[in-house]
Amino acid sequence: MGLTVVVMTALEPSDAVVADENADRVDQRGVLGRSYRALSVGIVSVVLLIAFEATAVGTPIDGLGRAQ
């Protein structure tokens, strides 16, 4: 069982170019990428609206049930 020492060095200019190209490709494919951004924001907005409405309706209905 040997011990290996690894020395970290600075990125070469060619390494930075490859990293930038991969970052752009991942951003385009994700749910917040350019092609899916509007859809993702719309879905989250609708879910939040339904949850808010359910809370707003459920609160007075619960109070009416206890009053009777």
Protein backbone atom coordinates (compact mmCIF):
# COMPACT_ATOMS: atom_id res chain seq x y z
CA MET A 1 0.00 0.00 0.00
CA GLY A 2 1.88 3.02 -1.30
CA LEU A 3 1.31 6.69 -0.84
CA THR A 4 0.85 8.76 -3.99
CA VAL A 5 1.46 12.49 -3.95
CA VAL A 6 -0.40 14.51 -6.57
CA VAL A 7 0.61 18.06 -7.35
CA MET A 8 -2.12 20.34 -8.67
CA THR A 9 -1.11 22.75 -11.39
CA ALA A 10 -2.80 25.70 -13.04
CA LEU A 11 -5.02 25.09 -16.04
CA GLU A 12 -3.45 25.30 -19.43
CA PRO A 13 -5.22 27.70 -21.84
CA SER A 14 -6.51 24.76 -23.88
CA ASP A 15 -8.10 23.23 -20.76
CA ALA A 16 -10.08 26.41 -20.07
CA VAL A 17 -11.49 26.42 -23.61
CA VAL A 18 -12.74 22.84 -23.24
CA ALA A 19 -14.29 23.65 -19.86
CA ASP A 20 -16.16 26.64 -21.32
CA GLU A 21 -17.53 24.59 -24.22
CA ASN A 22 -18.85 21.92 -21.84
CA ALA A 23 -20.49 24.52 -19.57
CA ASP A 24 -22.45 25.94 -22.52
CA ARG A 25 -23.62 22.50 -23.57
CA VAL A 26 -24.89 21.61 -20.08
CA ASP A 27 -26.76 24.93 -19.78
CA GLN A 28 -28.65 24.32 -23.03
CA ARG A 29 -29.83 20.87 -21.96
CA GLY A 30 -30.96 21.66 -18.41
CA VAL A 31 -34.47 22.55 -17.30
CA LEU A 32 -33.43 26.20 -17.06
CA GLY A 33 -31.76 26.12 -20.46
CA ARG A 34 -32.92 28.47 -23.16
CA SER A 35 -35.34 26.00 -24.77
CA TYR A 36 -37.06 24.93 -21.52
CA ARG A 37 -36.88 28.10 -19.40
CA ALA A 38 -40.37 29.44 -20.17
CA LEU A 39 -41.94 26.02 -19.67
CA SER A 40 -40.16 25.50 -16.34
CA VAL A 41 -41.17 28.92 -15.02
CA GLY A 42 -44.76 28.32 -16.16
CA ILE A 43 -45.01 24.94 -14.44
CA VAL A 44 -43.58 26.30 -11.17
CA SER A 45 -45.94 29.29 -11.31
CA VAL A 46 -49.02 27.12 -11.83
CA VAL A 47 -48.05 24.76 -9.00
CA LEU A 48 -47.50 27.71 -6.63
CA LEU A 49 -50.81 29.29 -7.68
CA ILE A 50 -52.74 26.06 -7.03
CA ALA A 51 -51.04 25.60 -3.65
CA PHE A 52 -51.80 29.21 -2.65
CA GLU A 53 -55.42 28.86 -3.73
CA ALA A 54 -55.84 25.60 -1.82
CA THR A 55 -54.49 27.26 1.32
CA ALA A 56 -56.71 30.32 0.84
CA VAL A 57 -59.85 28.18 0.42
CA GLY A 58 -58.98 25.60 3.06
CA THR A 59 -58.57 28.08 5.88
CA PRO A 60 -62.15 29.50 5.95
CA ILE A 61 -63.72 26.12 5.18
CA ASP A 62 -62.01 24.67 8.24
CA GLY A 63 -63.39 27.51 10.37
CA LEU A 64 -66.92 26.97 9.03
CA GLY A 65 -66.80 23.29 9.91
CA ARG A 66 -65.85 24.03 13.51
CA ALA A 67 -68.53 26.70 13.90
CA GLN A 68 -71.39 24.28 13.28
